[in-house]
């Protein structure tokens, strides 16, 4: 599953907007509700499977139930 799909599958009830920002020279950012959750340019690599979802959970979803649970 992609980063955006992971986020929306589990937390669609609390996320207003997910944006995947691409650009020249390998720019690939995942932005949730205006906050950059992951930046390939800053890390120098693509996110590992589940990494963006885990970053979101740590920052925003400690006390939020996943969608459908």
Protein backbone atom coordinates (compact mmCIF):
# COMPACT_ATOMS: atom_id res chain seq x y z
CA UNK A 1 0.00 0.00 0.00
CA UNK A 2 1.26 3.50 -0.68
CA UNK A 3 1.79 6.08 2.04
CA UNK A 4 -1.39 7.97 1.11
CA UNK A 5 -3.46 4.79 0.95
CA UNK A 6 -2.14 3.66 4.35
CA UNK A 7 -3.04 6.98 5.95
CA UNK A 8 -6.51 7.18 4.43
CA UNK A 9 -7.35 3.54 5.09
CA UNK A 10 -6.56 3.84 8.79
CA UNK A 11 -7.31 7.51 9.57
CA UNK A 12 -9.71 8.87 6.95
CA UNK A 13 -12.03 10.02 9.74
CA UNK A 14 -9.47 12.50 11.12
CA UNK A 15 -7.51 13.58 8.01
CA UNK A 16 -8.85 16.41 5.90
CA UNK A 17 -6.21 16.33 3.14
CA UNK A 18 -3.30 14.17 1.98
CA UNK A 19 -0.96 15.50 -0.70
CA UNK A 20 1.91 13.80 -2.45
CA UNK A 21 4.29 16.51 -3.62
CA UNK A 22 6.67 15.65 -6.43
CA UNK A 23 9.20 17.72 -8.29
CA UNK A 24 12.53 17.76 -10.02
CA UNK A 25 15.62 16.09 -8.58
CA UNK A 26 13.65 13.37 -6.77
CA UNK A 27 11.41 15.54 -4.61
CA UNK A 28 8.73 13.40 -2.98
CA UNK A 29 6.96 14.69 0.12
CA UNK A 30 3.92 13.38 1.96
CA UNK A 31 1.88 16.24 3.41
CA UNK A 32 -1.05 15.66 5.78
CA UNK A 33 -3.32 18.59 6.61
CA UNK A 34 -0.52 21.02 5.71
CA UNK A 35 2.18 19.26 7.75
CA UNK A 36 5.03 17.52 5.92
CA UNK A 37 5.10 14.02 7.37
CA UNK A 38 7.90 12.71 5.18
CA UNK A 39 10.40 14.26 2.78
CA UNK A 40 12.60 12.19 0.51
CA UNK A 41 14.74 15.26 -0.11
CA UNK A 42 15.50 15.58 3.61
CA UNK A 43 16.11 11.87 4.25
CA UNK A 44 17.79 11.07 0.94
CA UNK A 45 15.65 7.96 0.44
CA UNK A 46 12.11 6.78 -0.22
CA UNK A 47 10.02 5.96 2.83
CA UNK A 48 9.98 2.32 3.87
CA UNK A 49 6.61 0.51 3.78
CA UNK A 50 4.54 1.68 6.75
CA UNK A 51 7.02 4.38 7.76
CA UNK A 52 4.79 7.38 6.99
CA UNK A 53 1.85 5.72 8.75
CA UNK A 54 4.00 5.18 11.84
CA UNK A 55 5.18 8.80 11.78
CA UNK A 56 1.55 9.94 11.62
CA UNK A 57 0.56 7.64 14.50
CA UNK A 58 3.39 8.94 16.70
CA UNK A 59 2.59 12.59 16.02
CA UNK A 60 -1.21 12.68 15.72
CA UNK A 61 -2.91 9.42 16.53
CA UNK A 62 -1.72 8.27 19.93
CA UNK A 63 -5.27 8.43 21.29
CA UNK A 64 -7.19 8.04 18.02
CA UNK A 65 -8.86 4.78 17.04
CA UNK A 66 -8.26 3.54 13.53
CA UNK A 67 -11.13 3.87 11.10
CA UNK A 68 -13.66 1.04 11.39
CA UNK A 69 -12.53 -0.17 14.80
